[in-house]
Amino acid sequence: MKTAPVIETSNQYIEFWNAVLVPKFNSWRHILAGGLHLHSAKVFPALPLHSGDRVLDIGCGWGDTAIELARRVGPVGSVVGLDCCSAFLEAGRADAAQAGLTNLTFREADVQTCKFEPVHDFCFSRFGTQFFENPVAGLRNMRSALRPGGSMTMIVWRARADNPWLTLSKEVLLRYLPAVKEDAATCGPGPFSMTEPEAVTRQLQIAGYTDARFERIDSEVLVGRDLDEAVAFQLAIGPAGEIYREAGRLAECRHGELVAALKEELKEFVRPEGVMMKSSSWMVTAQNPG
């Protein structure tokens, strides 16, 4: 399996991902990977994939979707997994090598500016496009990788109210800690930047796509094997984790109160298999008319 060279970038959002979020995500991979997989698993049977297809996986993270795509297009097909975080790609390369896949390459790049050849049949992204600094530019650049008639499928989160696994703990923490300041360091627009079909359809149209379609995907996701782990996860990842991180010393001083409040709020979601909460996404499909 070939390894592409590292591409340097000065994008502040990418720097934040690599410096702050990647270590946290890697620590909580056993929770995050399972929850994200539930959404792509419901989508994969409907993907327009054929043996021999050339595929791009945008924002591939740890590479689990890229590996599945590579299996589906077969040894005569090819898949390139792209992500801006080298630590994620290292995990993907290791897993792909262990799986014995020779038709999968991982590349470190900023998808918004990466140069593509229009030779791919299909472009896929699971929860990657919602972090584009410039959504239209990112989507347009993805389309530039598609051959005429090629297609794109992306999975993005639906509204905050439909995703309590990401939002409920934020509401709890805001009773004790200040809201995150507008000038705080961030990973980009964030997980809820593509929740509205009308707005996303317009972005896709401006980027040159046609026939945009939306299908709702619902799933309960595991946020912790027990209540203690669920609380620790919420304080580390997502909107609640951002509030906790930005509050700094104040959050540390009130840590006991925060833990108690979160346990009280999350206890109703405890199941025999762990702490399970509702999540909801859109499967968005669109075509490159050529």
C-alpha atoms as a PDB file:
ATOM      1  CA  MET A   1       0.000   0.000   0.000  1.00  0.00           C
ATOM      2  CA  LYS A   2       1.489   3.339  -1.034  1.00  0.00           C
ATOM      3  CA  THR A   3       1.983   6.207   1.365  1.00  0.00           C
ATOM      4  CA  ALA A   4       1.528   9.741   0.054  1.00  0.00           C
ATOM      5  CA  PRO A   5       3.787  12.569   1.255  1.00  0.00           C
ATOM      6  CA  VAL A   6       2.660  14.867   4.012  1.00  0.00           C
ATOM      7  CA  ILE A   7       1.164  18.142   2.802  1.00  0.00           C
ATOM      8  CA  GLU A   8       1.959  21.184   4.880  1.00  0.00           C
ATOM      9  CA  THR A   9      -0.879  23.570   5.705  1.00  0.00           C
ATOM     10  CA  SER A  10      -1.295  26.712   7.801  1.00  0.00           C
ATOM     11  CA  ASN A  11      -5.067  26.437   8.181  1.00  0.00           C
ATOM     12  CA  GLN A  12      -5.887  27.312  11.798  1.00  0.00           C
ATOM     13  CA  TYR A  13      -8.728  24.802  11.949  1.00  0.00           C
ATOM     14  CA  ILE A  14      -6.468  21.974  10.793  1.00  0.00           C
ATOM     15  CA  GLU A  15      -3.850  22.985  13.327  1.00  0.00           C
ATOM     16  CA  PHE A  16      -6.509  22.876  16.051  1.00  0.00           C
ATOM     17  CA  TRP A  17      -7.617  19.401  14.976  1.00  0.00           C
ATOM     18  CA  ASN A  18      -4.082  18.045  15.085  1.00  0.00           C
ATOM     19  CA  ALA A  19      -2.994  19.766  18.286  1.00  0.00           C
ATOM     20  CA  VAL A  20      -6.154  19.541  20.424  1.00  0.00           C
ATOM     21  CA  LEU A  21      -8.813  17.221  19.073  1.00  0.00           C
ATOM     22  CA  VAL A  22      -6.905  14.287  17.591  1.00  0.00           C
ATOM     23  CA  PRO A  23      -5.439  13.182  20.957  1.00  0.00           C
ATOM     24  CA  LYS A  24      -8.911  13.365  22.516  1.00  0.00           C
ATOM     25  CA  PHE A  25     -10.541  11.527  19.630  1.00  0.00           C
ATOM     26  CA  ASN A  26      -7.908   8.797  19.749  1.00  0.00           C
ATOM     27  CA  SER A  27      -8.481   8.374  23.487  1.00  0.00           C
ATOM     28  CA  TRP A  28     -12.214   7.949  22.891  1.00  0.00           C
ATOM     29  CA  ARG A  29     -12.034   5.987  19.658  1.00  0.00           C
ATOM     30  CA  HIS A  30     -13.769   3.003  21.264  1.00  0.00           C
ATOM     31  CA  ILE A  31     -16.851   5.197  21.767  1.00  0.00           C
ATOM     32  CA  LEU A  32     -16.717   7.462  18.712  1.00  0.00           C
ATOM     33  CA  ALA A  33     -15.947   4.827  16.094  1.00  0.00           C
ATOM     34  CA  GLY A  34     -18.881   2.683  17.153  1.00  0.00           C
ATOM     35  CA  GLY A  35     -21.367   5.544  17.104  1.00  0.00           C
ATOM     36  CA  LEU A  36     -20.222   6.902  13.760  1.00  0.00           C
ATOM     37  CA  HIS A  37     -20.199   3.414  12.246  1.00  0.00           C
ATOM     38  CA  LEU A  38     -23.884   2.945  13.017  1.00  0.00           C
ATOM     39  CA  HIS A  39     -24.741   5.809  10.663  1.00  0.00           C
ATOM     40  CA  SER A  40     -22.497   4.729   7.787  1.00  0.00           C
ATOM     41  CA  ALA A  41     -23.579   1.089   8.183  1.00  0.00           C
ATOM     42  CA  LYS A  42     -27.172   2.102   7.407  1.00  0.00           C
ATOM     43  CA  VAL A  43     -26.001   4.050   4.361  1.00  0.00           C
ATOM     44  CA  PHE A  44     -23.505   1.649   2.769  1.00  0.00           C
ATOM     45  CA  PRO A  45     -26.028  -0.796   1.268  1.00  0.00           C
ATOM     46  CA  ALA A  46     -27.524   2.073  -0.769  1.00  0.00           C
ATOM     47  CA  LEU A  47     -24.224   3.447  -2.130  1.00  0.00           C
ATOM     48  CA  PRO A  48     -23.871   3.323  -5.951  1.00  0.00           C
ATOM     49  CA  LEU A  49     -20.671   1.269  -5.897  1.00  0.00           C
ATOM     50  CA  HIS A  50     -19.476  -1.186  -8.537  1.00  0.00           C
ATOM     51  CA  SER A  51     -16.484  -3.460  -8.881  1.00  0.00           C
ATOM     52  CA  GLY A  52     -13.618  -1.472 -10.368  1.00  0.00           C
ATOM     53  CA  ASP A  53     -14.863   1.958  -9.287  1.00  0.00           C
ATOM     54  CA  ARG A  54     -12.430   4.707  -8.320  1.00  0.00           C
ATOM     55  CA  VAL A  55     -13.509   6.279  -5.021  1.00  0.00           C
ATOM     56  CA  LEU A  56     -12.525   9.150  -2.731  1.00  0.00           C
ATOM     57  CA  ASP A  57     -13.284   9.088   1.010  1.00  0.00           C
ATOM     58  CA  ILE A  58     -13.203  12.678   2.278  1.00  0.00           C
ATOM     59  CA  GLY A  59     -12.331  13.284   5.937  1.00  0.00           C
ATOM     60  CA  CYS A  60     -11.784   9.548   6.334  1.00  0.00           C
ATOM     61  CA  GLY A  61     -10.537   9.750   9.931  1.00  0.00           C
ATOM     62  CA  TRP A  62      -9.354   6.352  11.184  1.00  0.00           C
ATOM     63  CA  GLY A  63     -10.109   4.859   7.789  1.00  0.00           C
ATOM     64  CA  ASP A  64     -12.864   2.390   8.655  1.00  0.00           C
ATOM     65  CA  THR A  65     -15.139   3.688   5.888  1.00  0.00           C
ATOM     66  CA  ALA A  66     -12.255   3.768   3.397  1.00  0.00           C
ATOM     67  CA  ILE A  67     -11.518   0.127   4.224  1.00  0.00           C
ATOM     68  CA  GLU A  68     -15.151  -0.838   3.676  1.00  0.00           C
ATOM     69  CA  LEU A  69     -15.234   1.097   0.399  1.00  0.00           C
ATOM     70  CA  ALA A  70     -12.055  -0.662  -0.757  1.00  0.00           C
ATOM     71  CA  ARG A  71     -13.616  -4.045  -0.058  1.00  0.00           C
ATOM     72  CA  ARG A  72     -16.732  -3.114  -2.005  1.00  0.00           C
ATOM     73  CA  VAL A  73     -14.991  -1.914  -5.168  1.00  0.00           C
ATOM     74  CA  GLY A  74     -12.729  -4.957  -5.155  1.00  0.00           C
ATOM     75  CA  PRO A  75      -9.068  -5.366  -6.099  1.00  0.00           C
ATOM     76  CA  VAL A  76      -9.572  -3.896  -9.575  1.00  0.00           C
ATOM     77  CA  GLY A  77     -11.048  -0.724  -8.022  1.00  0.00           C
ATOM     78  CA  SER A  78      -9.236   1.873  -5.953  1.00  0.00           C
ATOM     79  CA  VAL A  79      -9.930   4.068  -2.942  1.00  0.00           C
ATOM     80  CA  VAL A  80      -8.094   7.139  -1.673  1.00  0.00           C
ATOM     81  CA  GLY A  81      -8.817   8.174   1.904  1.00  0.00           C
ATOM     82  CA  LEU A  82      -8.078  11.827   2.627  1.00  0.00           C
ATOM     83  CA  ASP A  83      -7.819  13.556   5.975  1.00  0.00           C
ATOM     84  CA  CYS A  84      -5.960  16.540   7.419  1.00  0.00           C
ATOM     85  CA  CYS A  85      -4.878  14.653  10.559  1.00  0.00           C
ATOM     86  CA  SER A  86      -1.790  12.482  10.261  1.00  0.00           C
ATOM     87  CA  ALA A  87      -2.473  10.529  13.457  1.00  0.00           C
ATOM     88  CA  PHE A  88      -5.839   9.380  12.109  1.00  0.00           C
ATOM     89  CA  LEU A  89      -4.218   8.276   8.870  1.00  0.00           C
ATOM     90  CA  GLU A  90      -1.534   6.292  10.692  1.00  0.00           C
ATOM     91  CA  ALA A  91      -4.304   4.223  12.277  1.00  0.00           C
ATOM     92  CA  GLY A  92      -5.987   3.777   8.907  1.00  0.00           C
ATOM     93  CA  ARG A  93      -2.790   2.609   7.222  1.00  0.00           C
ATOM     94  CA  ALA A  94      -2.141   0.092   9.978  1.00  0.00           C
ATOM     95  CA  ASP A  95      -5.677  -1.307   9.817  1.00  0.00           C
ATOM     96  CA  ALA A  96      -5.640  -1.482   6.012  1.00  0.00           C
ATOM     97  CA  ALA A  97      -2.308  -3.301   6.030  1.00  0.00           C
ATOM     98  CA  GLN A  98      -3.621  -5.759   8.596  1.00  0.00           C
ATOM     99  CA  ALA A  99      -6.651  -6.350   6.353  1.00  0.00           C
ATOM    100  CA  GLY A 100      -4.341  -7.069   3.416  1.00  0.00           C
ATOM    101  CA  LEU A 101      -5.842  -4.382   1.174  1.00  0.00           C
ATOM    102  CA  THR A 102      -3.720  -3.296  -1.777  1.00  0.00           C
ATOM    103  CA  ASN A 103      -6.261  -1.020  -3.465  1.00  0.00           C
ATOM    104  CA  LEU A 104      -6.381   1.624  -0.713  1.00  0.00           C
ATOM    105  CA  THR A 105      -4.150   4.679  -0.337  1.00  0.00           C
ATOM    106  CA  PHE A 106      -4.278   7.291   2.419  1.00  0.00           C
ATOM    107  CA  ARG A 107      -3.318  10.892   1.755  1.00  0.00           C
ATOM    108  CA  GLU A 108      -2.865  13.789   4.161  1.00  0.00           C
ATOM    109  CA  ALA A 109      -4.423  16.894   2.623  1.00  0.00           C
ATOM    110  CA  ASP A 110      -6.783  19.822   3.058  1.00  0.00           C
ATOM    111  CA  VAL A 111      -9.708  18.687   0.932  1.00  0.00           C
ATOM    112  CA  GLN A 112     -10.751  22.287   0.310  1.00  0.00           C
ATOM    113  CA  THR A 113      -7.556  23.051  -1.627  1.00  0.00           C
ATOM    114  CA  CYS A 114      -6.237  19.650  -2.716  1.00  0.00           C
ATOM    115  CA  LYS A 115      -5.770  19.271  -6.477  1.00  0.00           C
ATOM    116  CA  PHE A 116      -7.776  16.420  -7.998  1.00  0.00           C
ATOM    117  CA  GLU A 117      -8.084  14.808 -11.399  1.00  0.00           C
ATOM    118  CA  PRO A 118     -11.706  14.329 -12.578  1.00  0.00           C
ATOM    119  CA  VAL A 119     -11.406  10.539 -12.758  1.00  0.00           C
ATOM    120  CA  HIS A 120     -13.366   9.274  -9.749  1.00  0.00           C
ATOM    121  CA  ASP A 121     -16.720   7.541  -9.977  1.00  0.00           C
ATOM    122  CA  PHE A 122     -17.813   8.242  -6.448  1.00  0.00           C
ATOM    123  CA  CYS A 123     -16.991  10.552  -3.549  1.00  0.00           C
ATOM    124  CA  PHE A 124     -17.973   9.751   0.031  1.00  0.00           C
ATOM    125  CA  SER A 125     -17.770  11.629   3.332  1.00  0.00           C
ATOM    126  CA  ARG A 126     -18.999  10.672   6.791  1.00  0.00           C
ATOM    127  CA  PHE A 127     -19.224  13.707   9.077  1.00  0.00           C
ATOM    128  CA  GLY A 128     -16.313  15.455   7.363  1.00  0.00           C
ATOM    129  CA  THR A 129     -17.838  18.162   5.162  1.00  0.00           C
ATOM    130  CA  GLN A 130     -19.564  19.962   8.056  1.00  0.00           C
ATOM    131  CA  PHE A 131     -16.141  21.183   9.204  1.00  0.00           C
ATOM    132  CA  PHE A 132     -15.315  22.914   5.909  1.00  0.00           C
ATOM    133  CA  GLU A 133     -14.229  26.504   6.497  1.00  0.00           C
ATOM    134  CA  ASN A 134     -15.844  27.358   3.159  1.00  0.00           C
ATOM    135  CA  PRO A 135     -18.539  24.743   2.420  1.00  0.00           C
ATOM    136  CA  VAL A 136     -19.137  25.759  -1.188  1.00  0.00           C
ATOM    137  CA  ALA A 137     -15.420  25.764  -1.984  1.00  0.00           C
ATOM    138  CA  GLY A 138     -14.950  22.390  -0.316  1.00  0.00           C
ATOM    139  CA  LEU A 139     -17.926  20.815  -2.052  1.00  0.00           C
ATOM    140  CA  ARG A 140     -16.877  22.282  -5.392  1.00  0.00           C
ATOM    141  CA  ASN A 141     -13.390  20.866  -4.987  1.00  0.00           C
ATOM    142  CA  MET A 142     -14.855  17.451  -4.191  1.00  0.00           C
ATOM    143  CA  ARG A 143     -16.883  17.674  -7.405  1.00  0.00           C
ATOM    144  CA  SER A 144     -13.709  18.472  -9.331  1.00  0.00           C
ATOM    145  CA  ALA A 145     -12.530  14.954  -8.496  1.00  0.00           C
ATOM    146  CA  LEU A 146     -15.583  13.320 -10.080  1.00  0.00           C
ATOM    147  CA  ARG A 147     -15.905  12.241 -13.691  1.00  0.00           C
ATOM    148  CA  PRO A 148     -18.958  13.535 -15.573  1.00  0.00           C
ATOM    149  CA  GLY A 149     -21.928  11.609 -14.205  1.00  0.00           C
ATOM    150  CA  GLY A 150     -20.107  10.690 -11.002  1.00  0.00           C
ATOM    151  CA  SER A 151     -21.910  10.971  -7.678  1.00  0.00           C
ATOM    152  CA  MET A 152     -21.315  12.090  -4.103  1.00  0.00           C
ATOM    153  CA  THR A 153     -22.767  10.910  -0.799  1.00  0.00           C
ATOM    154  CA  MET A 154     -22.097  12.667   2.483  1.00  0.00           C
ATOM    155  CA  ILE A 155     -23.427  12.028   5.980  1.00  0.00           C
ATOM    156  CA  VAL A 156     -23.981  15.099   8.158  1.00  0.00           C
ATOM    157  CA  TRP A 157     -25.681  15.600  11.505  1.00  0.00           C
ATOM    158  CA  ARG A 158     -29.267  16.770  11.620  1.00  0.00           C
ATOM    159  CA  ALA A 159     -30.510  19.494  14.016  1.00  0.00           C
ATOM    160  CA  ARG A 160     -29.267  19.876  17.568  1.00  0.00           C
ATOM    161  CA  ALA A 161     -32.666  18.868  18.967  1.00  0.00           C
ATOM    162  CA  ASP A 162     -32.353  15.522  17.172  1.00  0.00           C
ATOM    163  CA  ASN A 163     -28.911  14.816  18.637  1.00  0.00           C
ATOM    164  CA  PRO A 164     -29.102  14.904  22.442  1.00  0.00           C
ATOM    165  CA  TRP A 165     -25.962  12.760  22.600  1.00  0.00           C
ATOM    166  CA  LEU A 166     -24.065  15.886  21.517  1.00  0.00           C
ATOM    167  CA  THR A 167     -26.210  18.663  22.995  1.00  0.00           C
ATOM    168  CA  LEU A 168     -27.805  17.655  26.283  1.00  0.00           C
ATOM    169  CA  SER A 169     -24.590  17.794  28.281  1.00  0.00           C
ATOM    170  CA  LYS A 170     -23.789  21.215  26.840  1.00  0.00           C
ATOM    171  CA  GLU A 171     -27.079  22.525  28.244  1.00  0.00           C
ATOM    172  CA  VAL A 172     -26.188  21.098  31.652  1.00  0.00           C
ATOM    173  CA  LEU A 173     -22.724  22.653  31.701  1.00  0.00           C
ATOM    174  CA  LEU A 174     -24.058  26.068  30.731  1.00  0.00           C
ATOM    175  CA  ARG A 175     -25.838  26.168  34.100  1.00  0.00           C
ATOM    176  CA  TYR A 176     -22.408  26.290  35.743  1.00  0.00           C
ATOM    177  CA  LEU A 177     -19.933  27.611  33.174  1.00  0.00           C
ATOM    178  CA  PRO A 178     -19.869  30.540  30.716  1.00  0.00           C
ATOM    179  CA  ALA A 179     -20.608  30.058  27.040  1.00  0.00           C
ATOM    180  CA  VAL A 180     -17.638  29.697  24.711  1.00  0.00           C
ATOM    181  CA  LYS A 181     -16.383  33.070  23.460  1.00  0.00           C
ATOM    182  CA  GLU A 182     -16.665  33.831  19.765  1.00  0.00           C
ATOM    183  CA  ASP A 183     -12.902  34.239  19.399  1.00  0.00           C
ATOM    184  CA  ALA A 184     -12.083  30.874  20.995  1.00  0.00           C
ATOM    185  CA  ALA A 185      -9.922  28.456  19.022  1.00  0.00           C
ATOM    186  CA  THR A 186     -12.100  25.997  17.142  1.00  0.00           C
ATOM    187  CA  CYS A 187     -12.137  23.088  14.682  1.00  0.00           C
ATOM    188  CA  GLY A 188     -14.255  24.984  12.168  1.00  0.00           C
ATOM    189  CA  PRO A 189     -17.976  25.584  11.600  1.00  0.00           C
ATOM    190  CA  GLY A 190     -18.770  22.471  13.626  1.00  0.00           C
ATOM    191  CA  PRO A 191     -21.039  19.421  13.613  1.00  0.00           C
ATOM    192  CA  PHE A 192     -24.286  21.347  13.065  1.00  0.00           C
ATOM    193  CA  SER A 193     -23.268  23.497  10.111  1.00  0.00           C
ATOM    194  CA  MET A 194     -25.158  21.387   7.545  1.00  0.00           C
ATOM    195  CA  THR A 195     -28.413  20.594   9.331  1.00  0.00           C
ATOM    196  CA  GLU A 196     -30.810  22.479   7.015  1.00  0.00           C
ATOM    197  CA  PRO A 197     -31.636  20.737   3.709  1.00  0.00           C
ATOM    198  CA  GLU A 198     -32.622  23.973   1.984  1.00  0.00           C
ATOM    199  CA  ALA A 199     -29.320  25.670   2.814  1.00  0.00           C
ATOM    200  CA  VAL A 200     -27.235  22.612   1.954  1.00  0.00           C
ATOM    201  CA  THR A 201     -29.117  22.130  -1.325  1.00  0.00           C
ATOM    202  CA  ARG A 202     -28.247  25.710  -2.228  1.00  0.00           C
ATOM    203  CA  GLN A 203     -24.570  25.121  -1.360  1.00  0.00           C
ATOM    204  CA  LEU A 204     -24.540  22.027  -3.548  1.00  0.00           C
ATOM    205  CA  GLN A 205     -26.159  23.895  -6.432  1.00  0.00           C
ATOM    206  CA  ILE A 206     -23.619  26.721  -6.219  1.00  0.00           C
ATOM    207  CA  ALA A 207     -20.846  24.097  -6.127  1.00  0.00           C
ATOM    208  CA  GLY A 208     -22.208  22.653  -9.379  1.00  0.00           C
ATOM    209  CA  TYR A 209     -24.064  19.536  -8.242  1.00  0.00           C
ATOM    210  CA  THR A 210     -27.535  18.486  -9.344  1.00  0.00           C
ATOM    211  CA  ASP A 211     -30.292  16.227  -7.976  1.00  0.00           C
ATOM    212  CA  ALA A 212     -29.599  16.746  -4.264  1.00  0.00           C
ATOM    213  CA  ARG A 213     -31.532  14.331  -2.054  1.00  0.00           C
ATOM    214  CA  PHE A 214     -31.799  13.889   1.714  1.00  0.00           C
ATOM    215  CA  GLU A 215     -32.632  10.755   3.704  1.00  0.00           C
ATOM    216  CA  ARG A 216     -32.934  10.723   7.481  1.00  0.00           C
ATOM    217  CA  ILE A 217     -30.848   8.220   9.460  1.00  0.00           C
ATOM    218  CA  ASP A 218     -31.654   7.633  13.159  1.00  0.00           C
ATOM    219  CA  SER A 219     -29.723   5.530  15.637  1.00  0.00           C
ATOM    220  CA  GLU A 220     -29.092   5.191  19.347  1.00  0.00           C
ATOM    221  CA  VAL A 221     -25.374   5.505  20.050  1.00  0.00           C
ATOM    222  CA  LEU A 222     -23.274   4.360  22.971  1.00  0.00           C
ATOM    223  CA  VAL A 223     -21.767   7.310  24.861  1.00  0.00           C
ATOM    224  CA  GLY A 224     -20.244   5.253  27.660  1.00  0.00           C
ATOM    225  CA  ARG A 225     -20.094   1.700  28.919  1.00  0.00           C
ATOM    226  CA  ASP A 226     -21.280   3.034  32.257  1.00  0.00           C
ATOM    227  CA  LEU A 227     -22.314   6.368  33.751  1.00  0.00           C
ATOM    228  CA  ASP A 228     -18.797   7.349  34.823  1.00  0.00           C
ATOM    229  CA  GLU A 229     -17.413   6.778  31.349  1.00  0.00           C
ATOM    230  CA  ALA A 230     -20.320   8.631  29.726  1.00  0.00           C
ATOM    231  CA  VAL A 231     -19.658  11.700  31.895  1.00  0.00           C
ATOM    232  CA  ALA A 232     -15.930  11.608  31.177  1.00  0.00           C
ATOM    233  CA  PHE A 233     -16.664  11.318  27.452  1.00  0.00           C
ATOM    234  CA  GLN A 234     -18.990  14.327  27.479  1.00  0.00           C
ATOM    235  CA  LEU A 235     -16.415  16.451  29.326  1.00  0.00           C
ATOM    236  CA  ALA A 236     -13.781  15.590  26.734  1.00  0.00           C
ATOM    237  CA  ILE A 237     -15.573  15.620  23.369  1.00  0.00           C
ATOM    238  CA  GLY A 238     -18.136  17.722  21.525  1.00  0.00           C
ATOM    239  CA  PRO A 239     -19.940  20.930  22.531  1.00  0.00           C
ATOM    240  CA  ALA A 240     -19.840  20.104  26.257  1.00  0.00           C
ATOM    241  CA  GLY A 241     -16.150  19.290  26.029  1.00  0.00           C
ATOM    242  CA  GLU A 242     -15.538  22.628  24.336  1.00  0.00           C
ATOM    243  CA  ILE A 243     -17.276  24.507  27.158  1.00  0.00           C
ATOM    244  CA  TYR A 244     -15.317  22.566  29.775  1.00  0.00           C
ATOM    245  CA  ARG A 245     -11.996  23.134  27.997  1.00  0.00           C
ATOM    246  CA  GLU A 246     -12.527  26.863  27.467  1.00  0.00           C
ATOM    247  CA  ALA A 247     -13.647  27.432  31.069  1.00  0.00           C
ATOM    248  CA  GLY A 248     -10.207  26.355  32.224  1.00  0.00           C
ATOM    249  CA  ARG A 249      -9.583  26.861  35.931  1.00  0.00           C
ATOM    250  CA  LEU A 250     -13.247  27.519  36.684  1.00  0.00           C
ATOM    251  CA  ALA A 251     -14.208  24.139  35.225  1.00  0.00           C
ATOM    252  CA  GLU A 252     -11.537  22.428  37.282  1.00  0.00           C
ATOM    253  CA  CYS A 253     -12.784  24.095  40.461  1.00  0.00           C
ATOM    254  CA  ARG A 254     -16.378  23.061  39.766  1.00  0.00           C
ATOM    255  CA  HIS A 255     -15.539  19.632  38.417  1.00  0.00           C
ATOM    256  CA  GLY A 256     -17.333  17.765  41.189  1.00  0.00           C
ATOM    257  CA  GLU A 257     -20.525  19.766  40.658  1.00  0.00           C
ATOM    258  CA  LEU A 258     -20.372  19.221  36.917  1.00  0.00           C
ATOM    259  CA  VAL A 259     -19.916  15.479  37.254  1.00  0.00           C
ATOM    260  CA  ALA A 260     -22.816  15.214  39.690  1.00  0.00           C
ATOM    261  CA  ALA A 261     -25.100  17.274  37.449  1.00  0.00           C
ATOM    262  CA  LEU A 262     -24.215  15.249  34.357  1.00  0.00           C
ATOM    263  CA  LYS A 263     -24.759  11.952  36.148  1.00  0.00           C
ATOM    264  CA  GLU A 264     -28.180  13.112  37.273  1.00  0.00           C
ATOM    265  CA  GLU A 265     -29.098  14.113  33.707  1.00  0.00           C
ATOM    266  CA  LEU A 266     -27.669  11.044  31.980  1.00  0.00           C
ATOM    267  CA  LYS A 267     -28.865   8.335  34.355  1.00  0.00           C
ATOM    268  CA  GLU A 268     -32.155   7.937  32.476  1.00  0.00           C
ATOM    269  CA  PHE A 269     -30.211   6.720  29.435  1.00  0.00           C
ATOM    270  CA  VAL A 270     -28.496   3.834  31.215  1.00  0.00           C
ATOM    271  CA  ARG A 271     -29.257   0.496  29.557  1.00  0.00           C
ATOM    272  CA  PRO A 272     -27.864  -3.012  30.126  1.00  0.00           C
ATOM    273  CA  GLU A 273     -25.462  -2.448  27.221  1.00  0.00           C
ATOM    274  CA  GLY A 274     -24.324   0.980  28.464  1.00  0.00           C
ATOM    275  CA  VAL A 275     -25.431   4.610  28.247  1.00  0.00           C
ATOM    276  CA  MET A 276     -27.408   4.946  25.007  1.00  0.00           C
ATOM    277  CA  MET A 277     -28.612   8.245  23.525  1.00  0.00           C
ATOM    278  CA  LYS A 278     -30.438   9.289  20.363  1.00  0.00           C
ATOM    279  CA  SER A 279     -28.619  10.588  17.310  1.00  0.00           C
ATOM    280  CA  SER A 280     -29.812  11.598  13.850  1.00  0.00           C
ATOM    281  CA  SER A 281     -28.115  12.384  10.544  1.00  0.00           C
ATOM    282  CA  TRP A 282     -28.820  13.156   6.905  1.00  0.00           C
ATOM    283  CA  MET A 283     -27.590  11.003   4.070  1.00  0.00           C
ATOM    284  CA  VAL A 284     -27.130  13.579   1.314  1.00  0.00           C
ATOM    285  CA  THR A 285     -26.636  12.483  -2.288  1.00  0.00           C
ATOM    286  CA  ALA A 286     -25.890  14.616  -5.349  1.00  0.00           C
ATOM    287  CA  GLN A 287     -24.611  14.221  -8.904  1.00  0.00           C
ATOM    288  CA  ASN A 288     -21.851  15.773 -10.983  1.00  0.00           C
ATOM    289  CA  PRO A 289     -23.526  16.653 -14.273  1.00  0.00           C
ATOM    290  CA  GLY A 290     -20.186  16.994 -16.022  1.00  0.00           C
END
